[in-house]
Amino acid sequence: MPSPRIAAMFVAGPAATGLAQGHSPTAGGMSASTVGTGAGTVSPGAASGVVGSGGSAATGGTSASSLGLVAQSTAPGQSSSALATGGSAASANGGYVMSRSGVHGNGNALNGQSMDQAHQPGGVWSKSHTVTHLHNGDLTSRTKSMAHEPGGPPVKSTTGNSVDLGR
């Protein structure tokens, strides 16, 4: 029978989720949005937490999205952690597309990043960038998404979340 000290459950719903959107009243179809969530529990001798964020942007035949998630659980003599990140980008009519993701580190320090962007000729672009970290019980995830059309500033949306497990 598992010890109740290390049992933990996380449910992320509307109350635990932050949503930010950027829209320009003069920009026809530009949009950028981000969302993030996090939860943690600390009890004598044990701690568990999870943090994530993601976003997307789209305009003029381009789109980009990225996301990241990190989790850690510790108990006396036991520890586990995981980090995942990814994204995608698309461009119509043969535009430029770049999508890169990577995770580096070890059980005590994990770093992940996803950079995704799409460009059309003439200055139309969409970008999304997520950075996720785990270091000594501090879990963080940040996402910034942007879309741009010529003739004005880009629309932007940014979110950041963190959970400190006090380790």
N, C-alpha and C. Protein backbone atom coordinates (compact mmCIF):
# COMPACT_ATOMS: atom_id res chain seq x y z
N MET A 1 0.84 -1.17 0.00
CA MET A 1 0.00 0.00 0.00
C MET A 1 0.89 1.24 0.00
N PRO A 2 0.65 2.21 -0.93
CA PRO A 2 1.50 3.39 -1.01
C PRO A 2 1.35 4.27 0.23
N SER A 3 2.43 4.91 0.55
CA SER A 3 2.44 5.83 1.69
C SER A 3 1.62 7.07 1.36
N PRO A 4 0.73 7.52 2.26
CA PRO A 4 -0.07 8.71 1.96
C PRO A 4 0.79 9.97 1.90
N ARG A 5 2.02 9.91 2.43
CA ARG A 5 2.88 11.09 2.39
C ARG A 5 3.34 11.44 0.99
N ILE A 6 3.40 10.46 0.08
CA ILE A 6 3.90 10.75 -1.26
C ILE A 6 2.79 10.73 -2.31
N ALA A 7 1.57 10.54 -1.90
CA ALA A 7 0.47 10.55 -2.85
C ALA A 7 0.06 11.99 -3.12
N ALA A 8 -0.05 12.36 -4.38
CA ALA A 8 -0.45 13.71 -4.76
C ALA A 8 -1.23 13.65 -6.06
N MET A 9 -2.18 14.55 -6.20
CA MET A 9 -2.96 14.62 -7.42
C MET A 9 -3.11 16.08 -7.81
N PHE A 10 -2.95 16.38 -9.09
CA PHE A 10 -3.07 17.74 -9.58
C PHE A 10 -4.17 17.79 -10.62
N VAL A 11 -5.04 18.75 -10.48
CA VAL A 11 -6.08 18.97 -11.46
C VAL A 11 -6.01 20.43 -11.86
N ALA A 12 -5.76 20.70 -13.11
CA ALA A 12 -5.71 22.08 -13.59
C ALA A 12 -6.97 22.35 -14.37
N GLY A 13 -7.75 23.25 -13.89
CA GLY A 13 -8.99 23.62 -14.56
C GLY A 13 -9.06 25.12 -14.72
N PRO A 14 -10.25 25.65 -15.00
CA PRO A 14 -10.40 27.08 -15.22
C PRO A 14 -9.92 27.93 -14.05
N ALA A 15 -10.06 27.46 -12.84
CA ALA A 15 -9.63 28.27 -11.69
C ALA A 15 -8.11 28.33 -11.58
N ALA A 16 -7.39 27.36 -12.12
CA ALA A 16 -5.94 27.31 -11.99
C ALA A 16 -5.23 27.76 -13.27
N THR A 17 -5.99 28.20 -14.25
CA THR A 17 -5.41 28.53 -15.54
C THR A 17 -5.48 30.02 -15.78
N GLY A 18 -4.36 30.60 -16.21
CA GLY A 18 -4.33 32.01 -16.59
C GLY A 18 -4.37 32.12 -18.09
N LEU A 19 -5.13 33.06 -18.63
CA LEU A 19 -5.25 33.22 -20.07
C LEU A 19 -5.03 34.68 -20.41
N ALA A 20 -4.16 34.94 -21.36
CA ALA A 20 -3.91 36.30 -21.82
C ALA A 20 -4.02 36.31 -23.34
N GLN A 21 -4.62 37.37 -23.88
CA GLN A 21 -4.74 37.49 -25.32
C GLN A 21 -4.35 38.89 -25.74
N GLY A 22 -3.73 38.98 -26.90
CA GLY A 22 -3.39 40.28 -27.46
C GLY A 22 -4.09 40.45 -28.78
N HIS A 23 -4.83 41.53 -28.92
CA HIS A 23 -5.52 41.83 -30.17
C HIS A 23 -5.36 43.31 -30.46
N SER A 24 -5.18 43.65 -31.70
CA SER A 24 -5.09 45.05 -32.09
C SER A 24 -6.39 45.44 -32.78
N PRO A 25 -7.02 46.56 -32.37
CA PRO A 25 -8.28 46.94 -33.00
C PRO A 25 -8.12 47.29 -34.47
N THR A 26 -6.91 47.65 -34.92
CA THR A 26 -6.70 48.00 -36.31
C THR A 26 -6.15 46.84 -37.13
N ALA A 27 -5.75 45.78 -36.48
CA ALA A 27 -5.16 44.64 -37.18
C ALA A 27 -6.25 43.67 -37.57
N GLY A 28 -6.35 43.42 -38.86
CA GLY A 28 -7.40 42.55 -39.36
C GLY A 28 -7.46 41.19 -38.72
N GLY A 29 -6.54 40.30 -39.06
CA GLY A 29 -6.62 38.95 -38.57
C GLY A 29 -5.50 38.55 -37.65
N MET A 30 -4.82 39.50 -37.04
CA MET A 30 -3.71 39.13 -36.16
C MET A 30 -4.25 38.67 -34.81
N SER A 31 -3.65 37.59 -34.28
CA SER A 31 -4.01 37.17 -32.93
C SER A 31 -2.80 36.52 -32.27
N ALA A 32 -2.73 36.68 -30.95
CA ALA A 32 -1.70 36.04 -30.14
C ALA A 32 -2.31 35.73 -28.79
N SER A 33 -2.11 34.53 -28.29
CA SER A 33 -2.66 34.17 -26.99
C SER A 33 -1.70 33.22 -26.28
N THR A 34 -1.73 33.27 -24.95
CA THR A 34 -0.91 32.38 -24.12
C THR A 34 -1.77 31.89 -22.96
N VAL A 35 -1.38 30.75 -22.42
CA VAL A 35 -2.09 30.17 -21.29
C VAL A 35 -1.07 29.43 -20.42
N GLY A 36 -1.29 29.44 -19.10
CA GLY A 36 -0.37 28.74 -18.20
C GLY A 36 -1.08 28.24 -16.97
N THR A 37 -0.47 27.27 -16.31
CA THR A 37 -1.04 26.72 -15.09
C THR A 37 0.07 26.16 -14.22
N GLY A 38 -0.21 26.01 -12.94
CA GLY A 38 0.76 25.43 -12.03
C GLY A 38 0.11 25.01 -10.74
N ALA A 39 0.67 24.00 -10.09
CA ALA A 39 0.17 23.53 -8.80
C ALA A 39 1.30 22.86 -8.05
N GLY A 40 1.25 22.91 -6.75
CA GLY A 40 2.27 22.27 -5.95
C GLY A 40 1.77 21.92 -4.58
N THR A 41 2.40 20.94 -3.95
CA THR A 41 2.07 20.57 -2.58
C THR A 41 3.37 20.19 -1.87
N VAL A 42 3.49 20.68 -0.64
CA VAL A 42 4.66 20.39 0.17
C VAL A 42 4.18 19.90 1.52
N SER A 43 4.69 18.75 1.95
CA SER A 43 4.37 18.22 3.27
C SER A 43 5.68 17.78 3.91
N PRO A 44 5.69 17.47 5.19
CA PRO A 44 6.95 17.05 5.81
C PRO A 44 7.58 15.86 5.08
N GLY A 45 8.74 16.09 4.51
CA GLY A 45 9.47 15.04 3.84
C GLY A 45 9.10 14.77 2.40
N ALA A 46 8.10 15.44 1.86
CA ALA A 46 7.70 15.17 0.48
C ALA A 46 7.22 16.46 -0.18
N ALA A 47 7.37 16.53 -1.50
CA ALA A 47 6.90 17.68 -2.27
C ALA A 47 6.63 17.24 -3.70
N SER A 48 5.62 17.83 -4.31
CA SER A 48 5.30 17.55 -5.70
C SER A 48 4.79 18.82 -6.34
N GLY A 49 5.09 19.02 -7.63
CA GLY A 49 4.61 20.19 -8.33
C GLY A 49 4.64 20.00 -9.83
N VAL A 50 3.86 20.82 -10.51
CA VAL A 50 3.80 20.82 -11.97
C VAL A 50 3.52 22.24 -12.43
N VAL A 51 4.17 22.65 -13.53
CA VAL A 51 3.98 23.97 -14.11
C VAL A 51 4.01 23.81 -15.63
N GLY A 52 3.18 24.58 -16.32
CA GLY A 52 3.20 24.55 -17.77
C GLY A 52 2.72 25.84 -18.37
N SER A 53 3.11 26.11 -19.61
CA SER A 53 2.60 27.25 -20.35
C SER A 53 2.69 26.95 -21.84
N GLY A 54 1.90 27.67 -22.60
CA GLY A 54 1.90 27.50 -24.04
C GLY A 54 1.23 28.68 -24.70
N GLY A 55 1.38 28.79 -26.00
CA GLY A 55 0.76 29.90 -26.70
C GLY A 55 0.77 29.69 -28.19
N SER A 56 0.05 30.57 -28.87
CA SER A 56 0.00 30.52 -30.32
C SER A 56 -0.21 31.92 -30.88
N ALA A 57 0.18 32.09 -32.13
CA ALA A 57 0.00 33.35 -32.84
C ALA A 57 -0.30 33.02 -34.29
N ALA A 58 -1.09 33.88 -34.93
CA ALA A 58 -1.43 33.65 -36.33
C ALA A 58 -1.79 34.96 -37.02
N THR A 59 -1.39 35.07 -38.27
CA THR A 59 -1.79 36.19 -39.13
C THR A 59 -1.36 35.90 -40.57
N GLY A 60 -2.09 36.40 -41.52
CA GLY A 60 -1.71 36.42 -42.92
C GLY A 60 -1.14 35.15 -43.50
N GLY A 61 -1.70 34.02 -43.20
CA GLY A 61 -1.20 32.75 -43.74
C GLY A 61 -0.04 32.16 -42.97
N THR A 62 0.26 32.69 -41.77
CA THR A 62 1.31 32.12 -40.92
C THR A 62 0.71 31.76 -39.56
N SER A 63 1.30 30.77 -38.92
CA SER A 63 0.90 30.43 -37.55
C SER A 63 2.08 29.77 -36.85
N ALA A 64 2.12 29.94 -35.52
CA ALA A 64 3.17 29.32 -34.72
C ALA A 64 2.60 29.04 -33.34
N SER A 65 3.04 27.93 -32.74
CA SER A 65 2.61 27.60 -31.39
C SER A 65 3.75 26.89 -30.67
N SER A 66 3.78 27.03 -29.33
CA SER A 66 4.79 26.35 -28.52
C SER A 66 4.21 26.06 -27.15
N LEU A 67 4.79 25.07 -26.46
CA LEU A 67 4.34 24.75 -25.12
C LEU A 67 5.45 24.05 -24.35
N GLY A 68 5.32 24.07 -23.02
CA GLY A 68 6.28 23.40 -22.16
C GLY A 68 5.61 22.98 -20.87
N LEU A 69 6.08 21.89 -20.29
CA LEU A 69 5.53 21.35 -19.04
C LEU A 69 6.67 20.73 -18.24
N VAL A 70 6.71 21.02 -16.92
CA VAL A 70 7.72 20.44 -16.05
C VAL A 70 7.04 19.95 -14.77
N ALA A 71 7.51 18.81 -14.24
CA ALA A 71 6.94 18.25 -13.02
C ALA A 71 8.06 17.64 -12.19
N GLN A 72 7.88 17.67 -10.86
CA GLN A 72 8.83 17.04 -9.96
C GLN A 72 8.09 16.50 -8.75
N SER A 73 8.56 15.34 -8.26
CA SER A 73 8.03 14.74 -7.05
C SER A 73 9.20 14.20 -6.24
N THR A 74 9.24 14.53 -4.94
CA THR A 74 10.32 14.07 -4.08
C THR A 74 9.76 13.49 -2.79
N ALA A 75 10.46 12.51 -2.26
CA ALA A 75 10.16 11.90 -0.98
C ALA A 75 11.49 11.43 -0.42
N PRO A 76 11.56 11.07 0.85
CA PRO A 76 12.85 10.62 1.40
C PRO A 76 13.45 9.49 0.57
N GLY A 77 14.65 9.73 0.05
CA GLY A 77 15.35 8.73 -0.72
C GLY A 77 14.84 8.53 -2.13
N GLN A 78 13.86 9.34 -2.57
CA GLN A 78 13.28 9.18 -3.90
C GLN A 78 13.07 10.54 -4.53
N SER A 79 13.25 10.61 -5.82
CA SER A 79 13.00 11.85 -6.55
C SER A 79 12.75 11.51 -8.00
N SER A 80 11.80 12.17 -8.61
CA SER A 80 11.58 12.01 -10.04
C SER A 80 11.19 13.35 -10.62
N SER A 81 11.60 13.58 -11.86
CA SER A 81 11.27 14.83 -12.53
C SER A 81 11.14 14.57 -14.02
N ALA A 82 10.38 15.44 -14.68
CA ALA A 82 10.17 15.31 -16.12
C ALA A 82 9.95 16.69 -16.71
N LEU A 83 10.42 16.89 -17.94
CA LEU A 83 10.21 18.14 -18.66
C LEU A 83 9.94 17.79 -20.11
N ALA A 84 8.92 18.41 -20.67
CA ALA A 84 8.59 18.20 -22.07
C ALA A 84 8.31 19.54 -22.72
N THR A 85 8.70 19.70 -23.97
CA THR A 85 8.44 20.94 -24.70
C THR A 85 8.31 20.61 -26.18
N GLY A 86 7.58 21.45 -26.90
CA GLY A 86 7.41 21.23 -28.33
C GLY A 86 6.65 22.38 -28.95
N GLY A 87 6.51 22.34 -30.24
CA GLY A 87 5.78 23.38 -30.94
C GLY A 87 5.67 23.08 -32.41
N SER A 88 5.07 24.02 -33.14
CA SER A 88 4.93 23.86 -34.58
C SER A 88 4.78 25.24 -35.22
N ALA A 89 5.04 25.29 -36.50
CA ALA A 89 4.86 26.52 -37.27
C ALA A 89 4.44 26.14 -38.68
N ALA A 90 3.67 27.03 -39.31
CA ALA A 90 3.22 26.77 -40.68
C ALA A 90 3.11 28.09 -41.43
N SER A 91 3.39 28.03 -42.73
CA SER A 91 3.30 29.21 -43.59
C SER A 91 2.75 28.79 -44.94
N ALA A 92 1.77 29.51 -45.41
CA ALA A 92 1.17 29.22 -46.70
C ALA A 92 2.07 29.75 -47.82
N ASN A 93 1.90 29.24 -49.00
CA ASN A 93 2.56 29.74 -50.21
C ASN A 93 4.08 29.73 -50.12
N GLY A 94 4.67 28.73 -49.51
CA GLY A 94 6.11 28.57 -49.52
C GLY A 94 6.90 29.54 -48.67
N GLY A 95 6.30 30.09 -47.63
CA GLY A 95 7.02 30.97 -46.73
C GLY A 95 8.03 30.20 -45.90
N TYR A 96 8.83 30.93 -45.12
CA TYR A 96 9.87 30.35 -44.28
C TYR A 96 9.25 29.82 -42.98
N VAL A 97 9.67 28.61 -42.57
CA VAL A 97 9.18 28.01 -41.33
C VAL A 97 10.38 27.49 -40.54
N MET A 98 10.38 27.75 -39.21
CA MET A 98 11.42 27.23 -38.33
C MET A 98 10.75 26.73 -37.06
N SER A 99 11.10 25.51 -36.65
CA SER A 99 10.55 24.94 -35.42
C SER A 99 11.66 24.14 -34.75
N ARG A 100 12.09 24.57 -33.55
CA ARG A 100 13.17 23.90 -32.84
C ARG A 100 12.78 23.71 -31.38
N SER A 101 13.06 22.53 -30.87
CA SER A 101 12.78 22.23 -29.47
C SER A 101 13.92 21.39 -28.91
N GLY A 102 14.19 21.54 -27.60
CA GLY A 102 15.22 20.75 -26.97
C GLY A 102 15.09 20.74 -25.47
N VAL A 103 15.58 19.67 -24.86
CA VAL A 103 15.60 19.52 -23.40
C VAL A 103 17.01 19.09 -23.01
N HIS A 104 17.55 19.73 -21.96
CA HIS A 104 18.91 19.44 -21.50
C HIS A 104 18.92 19.41 -19.99
N GLY A 105 19.88 18.67 -19.41
CA GLY A 105 20.07 18.71 -17.96
C GLY A 105 20.10 17.34 -17.35
N ASN A 106 19.85 17.33 -16.00
CA ASN A 106 19.82 16.09 -15.23
C ASN A 106 18.63 16.15 -14.27
N GLY A 107 18.57 15.25 -13.30
CA GLY A 107 17.42 15.17 -12.41
C GLY A 107 17.19 16.39 -11.54
N ASN A 108 18.24 17.17 -11.24
CA ASN A 108 18.08 18.35 -10.38
C ASN A 108 17.95 19.64 -11.16
N ALA A 109 18.37 19.66 -12.40
CA ALA A 109 18.30 20.87 -13.21
C ALA A 109 17.96 20.49 -14.65
N LEU A 110 16.74 20.78 -15.06
CA LEU A 110 16.30 20.52 -16.42
C LEU A 110 15.96 21.84 -17.08
N ASN A 111 16.30 21.98 -18.36
CA ASN A 111 15.99 23.18 -19.13
C ASN A 111 15.41 22.75 -20.46
N GLY A 112 14.32 23.37 -20.84
CA GLY A 112 13.70 23.09 -22.13
C GLY A 112 13.31 24.37 -22.83
N GLN A 113 13.33 24.32 -24.16
CA GLN A 113 12.99 25.51 -24.93
C GLN A 113 12.38 25.08 -26.26
N SER A 114 11.36 25.79 -26.69
CA SER A 114 10.78 25.59 -28.01
C SER A 114 10.64 26.95 -28.68
N MET A 115 11.24 27.10 -29.86
CA MET A 115 11.16 28.33 -30.64
C MET A 115 10.53 27.98 -31.99
N ASP A 116 9.43 28.65 -32.30
CA ASP A 116 8.68 28.33 -33.51
C ASP A 116 8.29 29.63 -34.20
N GLN A 117 8.52 29.70 -35.51
CA GLN A 117 8.17 30.92 -36.24
C GLN A 117 7.88 30.61 -37.70
N ALA A 118 7.05 31.47 -38.30
CA ALA A 118 6.72 31.37 -39.71
C ALA A 118 6.70 32.78 -40.30
N HIS A 119 7.28 32.94 -41.51
CA HIS A 119 7.37 34.24 -42.17
C HIS A 119 6.81 34.15 -43.58
N GLN A 120 6.14 35.20 -44.01
CA GLN A 120 5.71 35.38 -45.39
C GLN A 120 6.49 36.56 -45.96
N PRO A 121 6.72 36.60 -47.26
CA PRO A 121 7.37 37.77 -47.85
C PRO A 121 6.58 39.05 -47.53
N GLY A 122 7.30 40.13 -47.33
CA GLY A 122 6.64 41.41 -47.08
C GLY A 122 6.48 41.77 -45.61
N GLY A 123 7.03 40.97 -44.71
CA GLY A 123 6.99 41.35 -43.29
C GLY A 123 5.85 40.78 -42.48
N VAL A 124 5.18 39.76 -42.97
CA VAL A 124 4.13 39.09 -42.20
C VAL A 124 4.77 37.92 -41.47
N TRP A 125 4.58 37.82 -40.15
CA TRP A 125 5.16 36.72 -39.39
C TRP A 125 4.38 36.41 -38.13
N SER A 126 4.58 35.18 -37.66
CA SER A 126 4.04 34.70 -36.39
C SER A 126 5.17 33.98 -35.66
N LYS A 127 5.24 34.17 -34.32
CA LYS A 127 6.28 33.54 -33.52
C LYS A 127 5.71 33.10 -32.19
N SER A 128 6.24 32.02 -31.64
CA SER A 128 5.92 31.59 -30.29
C SER A 128 7.17 30.98 -29.67
N HIS A 129 7.45 31.33 -28.41
CA HIS A 129 8.68 30.90 -27.74
C HIS A 129 8.33 30.50 -26.31
N THR A 130 8.65 29.28 -25.92
CA THR A 130 8.41 28.80 -24.56
C THR A 130 9.73 28.34 -23.96
N VAL A 131 10.00 28.78 -22.71
CA VAL A 131 11.18 28.39 -21.96
C VAL A 131 10.70 27.78 -20.65
N THR A 132 11.18 26.57 -20.31
CA THR A 132 10.74 25.84 -19.13
C THR A 132 11.96 25.37 -18.36
N HIS A 133 11.94 25.54 -17.02
CA HIS A 133 13.10 25.19 -16.18
C HIS A 133 12.66 24.43 -14.93
N LEU A 134 13.58 23.61 -14.44
CA LEU A 134 13.51 23.00 -13.11
C LEU A 134 14.89 23.13 -12.51
N HIS A 135 14.98 23.78 -11.33
CA HIS A 135 16.26 23.92 -10.66
C HIS A 135 16.03 23.95 -9.15
N ASN A 136 16.55 22.94 -8.45
CA ASN A 136 16.45 22.87 -6.99
C ASN A 136 15.02 23.08 -6.47
N GLY A 137 14.06 22.45 -7.08
CA GLY A 137 12.68 22.53 -6.62
C GLY A 137 11.92 23.75 -7.09
N ASP A 138 12.52 24.60 -7.92
CA ASP A 138 11.83 25.76 -8.48
C ASP A 138 11.45 25.43 -9.92
N LEU A 139 10.16 25.35 -10.20
CA LEU A 139 9.65 25.00 -11.51
C LEU A 139 9.10 26.26 -12.17
N THR A 140 9.52 26.58 -13.40
CA THR A 140 9.04 27.77 -14.09
C THR A 140 8.78 27.45 -15.56
N SER A 141 7.82 28.17 -16.12
CA SER A 141 7.54 28.08 -17.55
C SER A 141 7.03 29.44 -18.02
N ARG A 142 7.61 29.94 -19.13
CA ARG A 142 7.22 31.23 -19.69
C ARG A 142 6.99 31.07 -21.19
N THR A 143 5.96 31.73 -21.69
CA THR A 143 5.66 31.69 -23.11
C THR A 143 5.37 33.11 -23.60
N LYS A 144 5.91 33.43 -24.78
CA LYS A 144 5.61 34.69 -25.45
C LYS A 144 5.23 34.37 -26.88
N SER A 145 4.09 34.88 -27.31
CA SER A 145 3.62 34.68 -28.68
C SER A 145 3.38 36.04 -29.32
N MET A 146 3.73 36.17 -30.62
CA MET A 146 3.60 37.44 -31.32
C MET A 146 3.19 37.21 -32.77
N ALA A 147 2.41 38.16 -33.30
CA ALA A 147 2.04 38.15 -34.71
C ALA A 147 2.22 39.56 -35.26
N HIS A 148 2.65 39.67 -36.53
CA HIS A 148 2.92 40.98 -37.11
C HIS A 148 2.50 41.05 -38.57
N GLU A 149 1.90 42.19 -38.93
CA GLU A 149 1.64 42.55 -40.32
C GLU A 149 2.24 43.93 -40.54
N PRO A 150 2.73 44.23 -41.75
CA PRO A 150 3.32 45.53 -42.01
C PRO A 150 2.32 46.68 -41.73
N GLY A 151 2.87 47.81 -41.31
CA GLY A 151 2.04 48.99 -41.08
C GLY A 151 1.65 49.22 -39.63
N GLY A 152 2.11 48.40 -38.74
CA GLY A 152 1.76 48.58 -37.34
C GLY A 152 2.60 47.71 -36.44
N PRO A 153 2.42 47.87 -35.15
CA PRO A 153 3.18 47.06 -34.20
C PRO A 153 2.64 45.63 -34.15
N PRO A 154 3.44 44.70 -33.67
CA PRO A 154 2.93 43.33 -33.52
C PRO A 154 1.97 43.24 -32.34
N VAL A 155 1.08 42.25 -32.38
CA VAL A 155 0.28 41.92 -31.20
C VAL A 155 1.09 40.89 -30.41
N LYS A 156 1.04 40.99 -29.08
CA LYS A 156 1.86 40.15 -28.22
C LYS A 156 1.03 39.60 -27.08
N SER A 157 1.39 38.44 -26.61
CA SER A 157 0.82 37.87 -25.39
C SER A 157 1.92 37.11 -24.67
N THR A 158 2.01 37.32 -23.36
CA THR A 158 3.06 36.68 -22.55
C THR A 158 2.45 36.14 -21.27
N THR A 159 2.90 34.97 -20.84
CA THR A 159 2.50 34.44 -19.55
C THR A 159 3.70 33.75 -18.92
N GLY A 160 3.73 33.75 -17.61
CA GLY A 160 4.78 33.07 -16.87
C GLY A 160 4.20 32.48 -15.60
N ASN A 161 4.63 31.28 -15.26
CA ASN A 161 4.13 30.58 -14.09
C ASN A 161 5.30 29.93 -13.36
N SER A 162 5.18 29.83 -12.04
CA SER A 162 6.22 29.16 -11.28
C SER A 162 5.64 28.52 -10.02
N VAL A 163 6.29 27.49 -9.56
CA VAL A 163 5.98 26.82 -8.31
C VAL A 163 7.31 26.55 -7.61
N ASP A 164 7.43 26.96 -6.35
CA ASP A 164 8.65 26.73 -5.58
C ASP A 164 8.34 25.66 -4.54
N LEU A 165 9.00 24.51 -4.68
CA LEU A 165 8.77 23.41 -3.77
C LEU A 165 9.63 23.52 -2.51
N GLY A 166 10.44 24.59 -2.42
CA GLY A 166 11.20 24.86 -1.20
C GLY A 166 12.31 23.89 -0.94
N ARG A 167 12.87 23.30 -1.97
CA ARG A 167 13.95 22.31 -1.80
C ARG A 167 15.28 22.99 -2.00
